[in-house]
mmCIF file of all heavy atoms, coordinates in Angstrom:
data_MODEL
# 
_entry.id   MODEL 
# 
loop_
_atom_site.group_PDB 
_atom_site.id 
_atom_site.type_symbol 
_atom_site.label_atom_id 
_atom_site.label_alt_id 
_atom_site.label_comp_id 
_atom_site.label_asym_id 
_atom_site.label_entity_id 
_atom_site.label_seq_id 
_atom_site.pdbx_PDB_ins_code 
_atom_site.Cartn_x 
_atom_site.Cartn_y 
_atom_site.Cartn_z 
_atom_site.occupancy 
_atom_site.B_iso_or_equiv 
_atom_site.pdbx_formal_charge 
_atom_site.auth_seq_id 
_atom_site.auth_comp_id 
_atom_site.auth_asym_id 
_atom_site.auth_atom_id 
_atom_site.pdbx_PDB_model_num 
ATOM 1   N N   . LEU A 1 1  ? 6.814  4.433   9.699   1.00 0.00 ? 1  LEU A N   1 
ATOM 2   C CA  . LEU A 1 1  ? 6.159  3.808   10.838  1.00 0.00 ? 1  LEU A CA  1 
ATOM 3   C C   . LEU A 1 1  ? 4.651  3.895   10.656  1.00 0.00 ? 1  LEU A C   1 
ATOM 4   O O   . LEU A 1 1  ? 4.112  4.958   10.368  1.00 0.00 ? 1  LEU A O   1 
ATOM 5   C CB  . LEU A 1 1  ? 6.568  4.523   12.132  1.00 0.00 ? 1  LEU A CB  1 
ATOM 6   C CG  . LEU A 1 1  ? 5.974  3.980   13.423  1.00 0.00 ? 1  LEU A CG  1 
ATOM 7   C CD1 . LEU A 1 1  ? 6.397  2.532   13.633  1.00 0.00 ? 1  LEU A CD1 1 
ATOM 8   C CD2 . LEU A 1 1  ? 6.418  4.831   14.595  1.00 0.00 ? 1  LEU A CD2 1 
ATOM 9   N N   . VAL A 1 2  ? 3.993  2.764   10.816  1.00 0.00 ? 2  VAL A N   1 
ATOM 10  C CA  . VAL A 1 2  ? 2.536  2.691   10.690  1.00 0.00 ? 2  VAL A CA  1 
ATOM 11  C C   . VAL A 1 2  ? 1.985  2.310   12.054  1.00 0.00 ? 2  VAL A C   1 
ATOM 12  O O   . VAL A 1 2  ? 2.290  1.234   12.566  1.00 0.00 ? 2  VAL A O   1 
ATOM 13  C CB  . VAL A 1 2  ? 2.127  1.666   9.619   1.00 0.00 ? 2  VAL A CB  1 
ATOM 14  C CG1 . VAL A 1 2  ? 0.632  1.552   9.525   1.00 0.00 ? 2  VAL A CG1 1 
ATOM 15  C CG2 . VAL A 1 2  ? 2.725  2.047   8.269   1.00 0.00 ? 2  VAL A CG2 1 
ATOM 16  N N   . ASN A 1 3  ? 1.174  3.193   12.639  1.00 0.00 ? 3  ASN A N   1 
ATOM 17  C CA  . ASN A 1 3  ? 0.731  2.995   14.019  1.00 0.00 ? 3  ASN A CA  1 
ATOM 18  C C   . ASN A 1 3  ? -0.618 2.315   14.188  1.00 0.00 ? 3  ASN A C   1 
ATOM 19  O O   . ASN A 1 3  ? -0.930 1.860   15.277  1.00 0.00 ? 3  ASN A O   1 
ATOM 20  C CB  . ASN A 1 3  ? 0.686  4.350   14.745  1.00 0.00 ? 3  ASN A CB  1 
ATOM 21  C CG  . ASN A 1 3  ? 2.078  4.914   14.940  1.00 0.00 ? 3  ASN A CG  1 
ATOM 22  O OD1 . ASN A 1 3  ? 2.996  4.184   15.263  1.00 0.00 ? 3  ASN A OD1 1 
ATOM 23  N ND2 . ASN A 1 3  ? 2.226  6.200   14.729  1.00 0.00 ? 3  ASN A ND2 1 
ATOM 24  N N   . ASP A 1 4  ? -1.445 2.290   13.144  1.00 0.00 ? 4  ASP A N   1 
ATOM 25  C CA  . ASP A 1 4  ? -2.766 1.686   13.306  1.00 0.00 ? 4  ASP A CA  1 
ATOM 26  C C   . ASP A 1 4  ? -3.295 1.197   11.961  1.00 0.00 ? 4  ASP A C   1 
ATOM 27  O O   . ASP A 1 4  ? -2.667 1.398   10.919  1.00 0.00 ? 4  ASP A O   1 
ATOM 28  C CB  . ASP A 1 4  ? -3.743 2.666   13.965  1.00 0.00 ? 4  ASP A CB  1 
ATOM 29  C CG  . ASP A 1 4  ? -3.928 3.957   13.194  1.00 0.00 ? 4  ASP A CG  1 
ATOM 30  O OD1 . ASP A 1 4  ? -3.836 3.950   11.946  1.00 0.00 ? 4  ASP A OD1 1 
ATOM 31  O OD2 . ASP A 1 4  ? -4.171 4.991   13.837  1.00 0.00 ? 4  ASP A OD2 1 
ATOM 32  N N   . ALA A 1 5  ? -4.449 0.535   11.998  1.00 0.00 ? 5  ALA A N   1 
ATOM 33  C CA  . ALA A 1 5  ? -5.020 -0.067  10.793  1.00 0.00 ? 5  ALA A CA  1 
ATOM 34  C C   . ALA A 1 5  ? -5.348 0.974   9.731   1.00 0.00 ? 5  ALA A C   1 
ATOM 35  O O   . ALA A 1 5  ? -5.127 0.734   8.535   1.00 0.00 ? 5  ALA A O   1 
ATOM 36  C CB  . ALA A 1 5  ? -6.274 -0.867  11.163  1.00 0.00 ? 5  ALA A CB  1 
ATOM 37  N N   . ASP A 1 6  ? -5.848 2.137   10.132  1.00 0.00 ? 6  ASP A N   1 
ATOM 38  C CA  . ASP A 1 6  ? -6.161 3.178   9.149   1.00 0.00 ? 6  ASP A CA  1 
ATOM 39  C C   . ASP A 1 6  ? -4.899 3.649   8.432   1.00 0.00 ? 6  ASP A C   1 
ATOM 40  O O   . ASP A 1 6  ? -4.914 3.868   7.222   1.00 0.00 ? 6  ASP A O   1 
ATOM 41  C CB  . ASP A 1 6  ? -6.859 4.359   9.818   1.00 0.00 ? 6  ASP A CB  1 
ATOM 42  C CG  . ASP A 1 6  ? -8.281 4.027   10.251  1.00 0.00 ? 6  ASP A CG  1 
ATOM 43  O OD1 . ASP A 1 6  ? -8.870 3.082   9.672   1.00 0.00 ? 6  ASP A OD1 1 
ATOM 44  O OD2 . ASP A 1 6  ? -8.792 4.706   11.158  1.00 0.00 ? 6  ASP A OD2 1 
ATOM 45  N N   . ALA A 1 7  ? -3.807 3.798   9.170   1.00 0.00 ? 7  ALA A N   1 
ATOM 46  C CA  . ALA A 1 7  ? -2.542 4.208   8.560   1.00 0.00 ? 7  ALA A CA  1 
ATOM 47  C C   . ALA A 1 7  ? -2.012 3.125   7.621   1.00 0.00 ? 7  ALA A C   1 
ATOM 48  O O   . ALA A 1 7  ? -1.439 3.429   6.574   1.00 0.00 ? 7  ALA A O   1 
ATOM 49  C CB  . ALA A 1 7  ? -1.515 4.542   9.635   1.00 0.00 ? 7  ALA A CB  1 
ATOM 50  N N   . MET A 1 8  ? -2.215 1.854   7.984   1.00 0.00 ? 8  MET A N   1 
ATOM 51  C CA  . MET A 1 8  ? -1.775 0.749   7.125   1.00 0.00 ? 8  MET A CA  1 
ATOM 52  C C   . MET A 1 8  ? -2.570 0.751   5.820   1.00 0.00 ? 8  MET A C   1 
ATOM 53  O O   . MET A 1 8  ? -2.001 0.579   4.734   1.00 0.00 ? 8  MET A O   1 
ATOM 54  C CB  . MET A 1 8  ? -1.933 -0.590  7.850   1.00 0.00 ? 8  MET A CB  1 
ATOM 55  C CG  . MET A 1 8  ? -1.433 -1.784  7.063   1.00 0.00 ? 8  MET A CG  1 
ATOM 56  S SD  . MET A 1 8  ? 0.347  -1.760  6.767   1.00 0.00 ? 8  MET A SD  1 
ATOM 57  C CE  . MET A 1 8  ? 0.942  -2.385  8.330   1.00 0.00 ? 8  MET A CE  1 
ATOM 58  N N   . ARG A 1 9  ? -3.879 0.954   5.919   1.00 0.00 ? 9  ARG A N   1 
ATOM 59  C CA  . ARG A 1 9  ? -4.711 1.020   4.703   1.00 0.00 ? 9  ARG A CA  1 
ATOM 60  C C   . ARG A 1 9  ? -4.323 2.221   3.838   1.00 0.00 ? 9  ARG A C   1 
ATOM 61  O O   . ARG A 1 9  ? -4.302 2.127   2.611   1.00 0.00 ? 9  ARG A O   1 
ATOM 62  C CB  . ARG A 1 9  ? -6.186 1.066   5.081   1.00 0.00 ? 9  ARG A CB  1 
ATOM 63  C CG  . ARG A 1 9  ? -6.711 -0.255  5.607   1.00 0.00 ? 9  ARG A CG  1 
ATOM 64  C CD  . ARG A 1 9  ? -8.221 -0.213  5.861   1.00 0.00 ? 9  ARG A CD  1 
ATOM 65  N NE  . ARG A 1 9  ? -8.620 -1.375  6.611   1.00 0.00 ? 9  ARG A NE  1 
ATOM 66  C CZ  . ARG A 1 9  ? -8.782 -1.396  7.944   1.00 0.00 ? 9  ARG A CZ  1 
ATOM 67  N NH1 . ARG A 1 9  ? -8.618 -0.304  8.667   1.00 0.00 ? 9  ARG A NH1 1 
ATOM 68  N NH2 . ARG A 1 9  ? -9.129 -2.506  8.553   1.00 0.00 ? 9  ARG A NH2 1 
ATOM 69  N N   . ALA A 1 10 ? -4.003 3.349   4.474   1.00 0.00 ? 10 ALA A N   1 
ATOM 70  C CA  . ALA A 1 10 ? -3.584 4.539   3.738   1.00 0.00 ? 10 ALA A CA  1 
ATOM 71  C C   . ALA A 1 10 ? -2.258 4.280   3.006   1.00 0.00 ? 10 ALA A C   1 
ATOM 72  O O   . ALA A 1 10 ? -2.092 4.678   1.842   1.00 0.00 ? 10 ALA A O   1 
ATOM 73  C CB  . ALA A 1 10 ? -3.458 5.736   4.671   1.00 0.00 ? 10 ALA A CB  1 
ATOM 74  N N   . LEU A 1 11 ? -1.330 3.607   3.673   1.00 0.00 ? 11 LEU A N   1 
ATOM 75  C CA  . LEU A 1 11 ? -0.065 3.254   3.042   1.00 0.00 ? 11 LEU A CA  1 
ATOM 76  C C   . LEU A 1 11 ? -0.314 2.363   1.823   1.00 0.00 ? 11 LEU A C   1 
ATOM 77  O O   . LEU A 1 11 ? 0.264  2.566   0.756   1.00 0.00 ? 11 LEU A O   1 
ATOM 78  C CB  . LEU A 1 11 ? 0.855  2.547   4.043   1.00 0.00 ? 11 LEU A CB  1 
ATOM 79  C CG  . LEU A 1 11 ? 2.151  1.979   3.466   1.00 0.00 ? 11 LEU A CG  1 
ATOM 80  C CD1 . LEU A 1 11 ? 3.033  3.081   2.895   1.00 0.00 ? 11 LEU A CD1 1 
ATOM 81  C CD2 . LEU A 1 11 ? 2.887  1.188   4.549   1.00 0.00 ? 11 LEU A CD2 1 
ATOM 82  N N   . ALA A 1 12 ? -1.192 1.389   1.982   1.00 0.00 ? 12 ALA A N   1 
ATOM 83  C CA  . ALA A 1 12 ? -1.525 0.489   0.873   1.00 0.00 ? 12 ALA A CA  1 
ATOM 84  C C   . ALA A 1 12 ? -2.123 1.275   -0.297  1.00 0.00 ? 12 ALA A C   1 
ATOM 85  O O   . ALA A 1 12 ? -1.840 0.971   -1.458  1.00 0.00 ? 12 ALA A O   1 
ATOM 86  C CB  . ALA A 1 12 ? -2.495 -0.586  1.343   1.00 0.00 ? 12 ALA A CB  1 
ATOM 87  N N   . GLY A 1 13 ? -2.932 2.274   0.004   1.00 0.00 ? 13 GLY A N   1 
ATOM 88  C CA  . GLY A 1 13 ? -3.495 3.107   -1.052  1.00 0.00 ? 13 GLY A CA  1 
ATOM 89  C C   . GLY A 1 13 ? -2.423 3.855   -1.814  1.00 0.00 ? 13 GLY A C   1 
ATOM 90  O O   . GLY A 1 13 ? -2.499 3.993   -3.043  1.00 0.00 ? 13 GLY A O   1 
ATOM 91  N N   . GLN A 1 14 ? -1.402 4.323   -1.119  1.00 0.00 ? 14 GLN A N   1 
ATOM 92  C CA  . GLN A 1 14 ? -0.282 5.009   -1.773  1.00 0.00 ? 14 GLN A CA  1 
ATOM 93  C C   . GLN A 1 14 ? 0.486  4.044   -2.676  1.00 0.00 ? 14 GLN A C   1 
ATOM 94  O O   . GLN A 1 14 ? 0.898  4.405   -3.777  1.00 0.00 ? 14 GLN A O   1 
ATOM 95  C CB  . GLN A 1 14 ? 0.654  5.616   -0.732  1.00 0.00 ? 14 GLN A CB  1 
ATOM 96  C CG  . GLN A 1 14 ? 0.039  6.753   0.057   1.00 0.00 ? 14 GLN A CG  1 
ATOM 97  C CD  . GLN A 1 14 ? 0.928  7.187   1.216   1.00 0.00 ? 14 GLN A CD  1 
ATOM 98  O OE1 . GLN A 1 14 ? 2.081  6.801   1.324   1.00 0.00 ? 14 GLN A OE1 1 
ATOM 99  N NE2 . GLN A 1 14 ? 0.370  8.008   2.093   1.00 0.00 ? 14 GLN A NE2 1 
ATOM 100 N N   . VAL A 1 15 ? 0.663  2.819   -2.203  1.00 0.00 ? 15 VAL A N   1 
ATOM 101 C CA  . VAL A 1 15 ? 1.354  1.804   -3.004  1.00 0.00 ? 15 VAL A CA  1 
ATOM 102 C C   . VAL A 1 15 ? 0.509  1.451   -4.231  1.00 0.00 ? 15 VAL A C   1 
ATOM 103 O O   . VAL A 1 15 ? 1.029  1.337   -5.345  1.00 0.00 ? 15 VAL A O   1 
ATOM 104 C CB  . VAL A 1 15 ? 1.656  0.547   -2.158  1.00 0.00 ? 15 VAL A CB  1 
ATOM 105 C CG1 . VAL A 1 15 ? 2.170  -0.599  -3.019  1.00 0.00 ? 15 VAL A CG1 1 
ATOM 106 C CG2 . VAL A 1 15 ? 2.651  0.881   -1.053  1.00 0.00 ? 15 VAL A CG2 1 
ATOM 107 N N   . ALA A 1 16 ? -0.792 1.301   -4.049  1.00 0.00 ? 16 ALA A N   1 
ATOM 108 C CA  . ALA A 1 16 ? -1.686 0.933   -5.149  1.00 0.00 ? 16 ALA A CA  1 
ATOM 109 C C   . ALA A 1 16 ? -1.599 1.931   -6.298  1.00 0.00 ? 16 ALA A C   1 
ATOM 110 O O   . ALA A 1 16 ? -1.670 1.547   -7.466  1.00 0.00 ? 16 ALA A O   1 
ATOM 111 C CB  . ALA A 1 16 ? -3.126 0.825   -4.651  1.00 0.00 ? 16 ALA A CB  1 
ATOM 112 N N   . ALA A 1 17 ? -1.427 3.189   -5.975  1.00 0.00 ? 17 ALA A N   1 
ATOM 113 C CA  . ALA A 1 17 ? -1.362 4.229   -7.008  1.00 0.00 ? 17 ALA A CA  1 
ATOM 114 C C   . ALA A 1 17 ? -0.141 4.070   -7.910  1.00 0.00 ? 17 ALA A C   1 
ATOM 115 O O   . ALA A 1 17 ? -0.107 4.640   -8.999  1.00 0.00 ? 17 ALA A O   1 
ATOM 116 C CB  . ALA A 1 17 ? -1.350 5.607   -6.343  1.00 0.00 ? 17 ALA A CB  1 
ATOM 117 N N   . ARG A 1 18 ? 0.836  3.278   -7.465  1.00 0.00 ? 18 ARG A N   1 
ATOM 118 C CA  . ARG A 1 18 ? 2.069  3.095   -8.233  1.00 0.00 ? 18 ARG A CA  1 
ATOM 119 C C   . ARG A 1 18 ? 2.149  1.738   -8.937  1.00 0.00 ? 18 ARG A C   1 
ATOM 120 O O   . ARG A 1 18 ? 3.156  1.436   -9.598  1.00 0.00 ? 18 ARG A O   1 
ATOM 121 C CB  . ARG A 1 18 ? 3.272  3.260   -7.315  1.00 0.00 ? 18 ARG A CB  1 
ATOM 122 C CG  . ARG A 1 18 ? 3.435  4.667   -6.777  1.00 0.00 ? 18 ARG A CG  1 
ATOM 123 C CD  . ARG A 1 18 ? 4.560  4.727   -5.767  1.00 0.00 ? 18 ARG A CD  1 
ATOM 124 N NE  . ARG A 1 18 ? 4.957  6.074   -5.439  1.00 0.00 ? 18 ARG A NE  1 
ATOM 125 C CZ  . ARG A 1 18 ? 4.314  6.867   -4.588  1.00 0.00 ? 18 ARG A CZ  1 
ATOM 126 N NH1 . ARG A 1 18 ? 3.210  6.443   -3.994  1.00 0.00 ? 18 ARG A NH1 1 
ATOM 127 N NH2 . ARG A 1 18 ? 4.752  8.077   -4.334  1.00 0.00 ? 18 ARG A NH2 1 
ATOM 128 N N   . LEU A 1 19 ? 1.137  0.906   -8.780  1.00 0.00 ? 19 LEU A N   1 
ATOM 129 C CA  . LEU A 1 19 ? 1.194  -0.454  -9.314  1.00 0.00 ? 19 LEU A CA  1 
ATOM 130 C C   . LEU A 1 19 ? 0.834  -0.526  -10.791 1.00 0.00 ? 19 LEU A C   1 
ATOM 131 O O   . LEU A 1 19 ? 0.062  0.278   -11.300 1.00 0.00 ? 19 LEU A O   1 
ATOM 132 C CB  . LEU A 1 19 ? 0.243  -1.365  -8.534  1.00 0.00 ? 19 LEU A CB  1 
ATOM 133 C CG  . LEU A 1 19 ? 0.626  -1.651  -7.091  1.00 0.00 ? 19 LEU A CG  1 
ATOM 134 C CD1 . LEU A 1 19 ? -0.431 -2.536  -6.439  1.00 0.00 ? 19 LEU A CD1 1 
ATOM 135 C CD2 . LEU A 1 19 ? 1.997  -2.300  -7.008  1.00 0.00 ? 19 LEU A CD2 1 
ATOM 136 N N   . HIS A 1 20 ? 1.419  -1.542  -11.429 1.00 0.00 ? 20 HIS A N   1 
ATOM 137 C CA  . HIS A 1 20 ? 1.124  -1.872  -12.822 1.00 0.00 ? 20 HIS A CA  1 
ATOM 138 C C   . HIS A 1 20 ? 0.799  -3.360  -12.880 1.00 0.00 ? 20 HIS A C   1 
ATOM 139 O O   . HIS A 1 20 ? 1.208  -4.129  -11.997 1.00 0.00 ? 20 HIS A O   1 
ATOM 140 C CB  . HIS A 1 20 ? 2.331  -1.584  -13.706 1.00 0.00 ? 20 HIS A CB  1 
ATOM 141 C CG  . HIS A 1 20 ? 2.745  -0.149  -13.686 1.00 0.00 ? 20 HIS A CG  1 
ATOM 142 N ND1 . HIS A 1 20 ? 3.655  0.349   -12.789 1.00 0.00 ? 20 HIS A ND1 1 
ATOM 143 C CD2 . HIS A 1 20 ? 2.342  0.903   -14.437 1.00 0.00 ? 20 HIS A CD2 1 
ATOM 144 C CE1 . HIS A 1 20 ? 3.817  1.640   -12.991 1.00 0.00 ? 20 HIS A CE1 1 
ATOM 145 N NE2 . HIS A 1 20 ? 3.027  2.006   -13.985 1.00 0.00 ? 20 HIS A NE2 1 
ATOM 146 N N   . ALA A 1 21 ? 0.100  -3.777  -13.915 1.00 0.00 ? 21 ALA A N   1 
ATOM 147 C CA  . ALA A 1 21 ? -0.223 -5.192  -14.090 1.00 0.00 ? 21 ALA A CA  1 
ATOM 148 C C   . ALA A 1 21 ? 1.055  -6.024  -14.017 1.00 0.00 ? 21 ALA A C   1 
ATOM 149 O O   . ALA A 1 21 ? 2.067  -5.673  -14.618 1.00 0.00 ? 21 ALA A O   1 
ATOM 150 C CB  . ALA A 1 21 ? -0.922 -5.410  -15.418 1.00 0.00 ? 21 ALA A CB  1 
ATOM 151 N N   . GLY A 1 22 ? 1.012  -7.087  -13.236 1.00 0.00 ? 22 GLY A N   1 
ATOM 152 C CA  . GLY A 1 22 ? 2.147  -7.989  -13.097 1.00 0.00 ? 22 GLY A CA  1 
ATOM 153 C C   . GLY A 1 22 ? 3.060  -7.686  -11.926 1.00 0.00 ? 22 GLY A C   1 
ATOM 154 O O   . GLY A 1 22 ? 3.941  -8.480  -11.617 1.00 0.00 ? 22 GLY A O   1 
ATOM 155 N N   . ASP A 1 23 ? 2.876  -6.546  -11.280 1.00 0.00 ? 23 ASP A N   1 
ATOM 156 C CA  . ASP A 1 23 ? 3.700  -6.222  -10.113 1.00 0.00 ? 23 ASP A CA  1 
ATOM 157 C C   . ASP A 1 23 ? 3.408  -7.196  -8.977  1.00 0.00 ? 23 ASP A C   1 
ATOM 158 O O   . ASP A 1 23 ? 2.285  -7.679  -8.836  1.00 0.00 ? 23 ASP A O   1 
ATOM 159 C CB  . ASP A 1 23 ? 3.425  -4.796  -9.619  1.00 0.00 ? 23 ASP A CB  1 
ATOM 160 C CG  . ASP A 1 23 ? 4.056  -3.733  -10.506 1.00 0.00 ? 23 ASP A CG  1 
ATOM 161 O OD1 . ASP A 1 23 ? 4.851  -4.076  -11.403 1.00 0.00 ? 23 ASP A OD1 1 
ATOM 162 O OD2 . ASP A 1 23 ? 3.737  -2.547  -10.304 1.00 0.00 ? 23 ASP A OD2 1 
ATOM 163 N N   . VAL A 1 24 ? 4.416  -7.459  -8.170  1.00 0.00 ? 24 VAL A N   1 
ATOM 164 C CA  . VAL A 1 24 ? 4.295  -8.365  -7.028  1.00 0.00 ? 24 VAL A CA  1 
ATOM 165 C C   . VAL A 1 24 ? 4.716  -7.616  -5.770  1.00 0.00 ? 24 VAL A C   1 
ATOM 166 O O   . VAL A 1 24 ? 5.755  -6.958  -5.756  1.00 0.00 ? 24 VAL A O   1 
ATOM 167 C CB  . VAL A 1 24 ? 5.182  -9.618  -7.208  1.00 0.00 ? 24 VAL A CB  1 
ATOM 168 C CG1 . VAL A 1 24 ? 5.151  -10.492 -5.962  1.00 0.00 ? 24 VAL A CG1 1 
ATOM 169 C CG2 . VAL A 1 24 ? 4.772  -10.402 -8.437  1.00 0.00 ? 24 VAL A CG2 1 
ATOM 170 N N   . ILE A 1 25 ? 3.915  -7.736  -4.732  1.00 0.00 ? 25 ILE A N   1 
ATOM 171 C CA  . ILE A 1 25 ? 4.246  -7.174  -3.426  1.00 0.00 ? 25 ILE A CA  1 
ATOM 172 C C   . ILE A 1 25 ? 4.366  -8.346  -2.464  1.00 0.00 ? 25 ILE A C   1 
ATOM 173 O O   . ILE A 1 25 ? 3.466  -9.184  -2.393  1.00 0.00 ? 25 ILE A O   1 
ATOM 174 C CB  . ILE A 1 25 ? 3.148  -6.211  -2.933  1.00 0.00 ? 25 ILE A CB  1 
ATOM 175 C CG1 . ILE A 1 25 ? 3.026  -5.036  -3.882  1.00 0.00 ? 25 ILE A CG1 1 
ATOM 176 C CG2 . ILE A 1 25 ? 3.441  -5.742  -1.516  1.00 0.00 ? 25 ILE A CG2 1 
ATOM 177 C CD1 . ILE A 1 25 ? 1.831  -4.152  -3.585  1.00 0.00 ? 25 ILE A CD1 1 
ATOM 178 N N   . VAL A 1 26 ? 5.438  -8.402  -1.713  1.00 0.00 ? 26 VAL A N   1 
ATOM 179 C CA  . VAL A 1 26 ? 5.642  -9.457  -0.726  1.00 0.00 ? 26 VAL A CA  1 
ATOM 180 C C   . VAL A 1 26 ? 5.653  -8.816  0.649   1.00 0.00 ? 26 VAL A C   1 
ATOM 181 O O   . VAL A 1 26 ? 6.426  -7.895  0.910   1.00 0.00 ? 26 VAL A O   1 
ATOM 182 C CB  . VAL A 1 26 ? 6.966  -10.211 -0.970  1.00 0.00 ? 26 VAL A CB  1 
ATOM 183 C CG1 . VAL A 1 26 ? 7.189  -11.253 0.111   1.00 0.00 ? 26 VAL A CG1 1 
ATOM 184 C CG2 . VAL A 1 26 ? 6.976  -10.846 -2.351  1.00 0.00 ? 26 VAL A CG2 1 
# 
């Protein structure tokens, strides 16, 4: 559960740490 914009950006940062070239997020 993401309650606010800061939490959404933090979640995105966690996802970014796992990305590789060519990955797609929908």
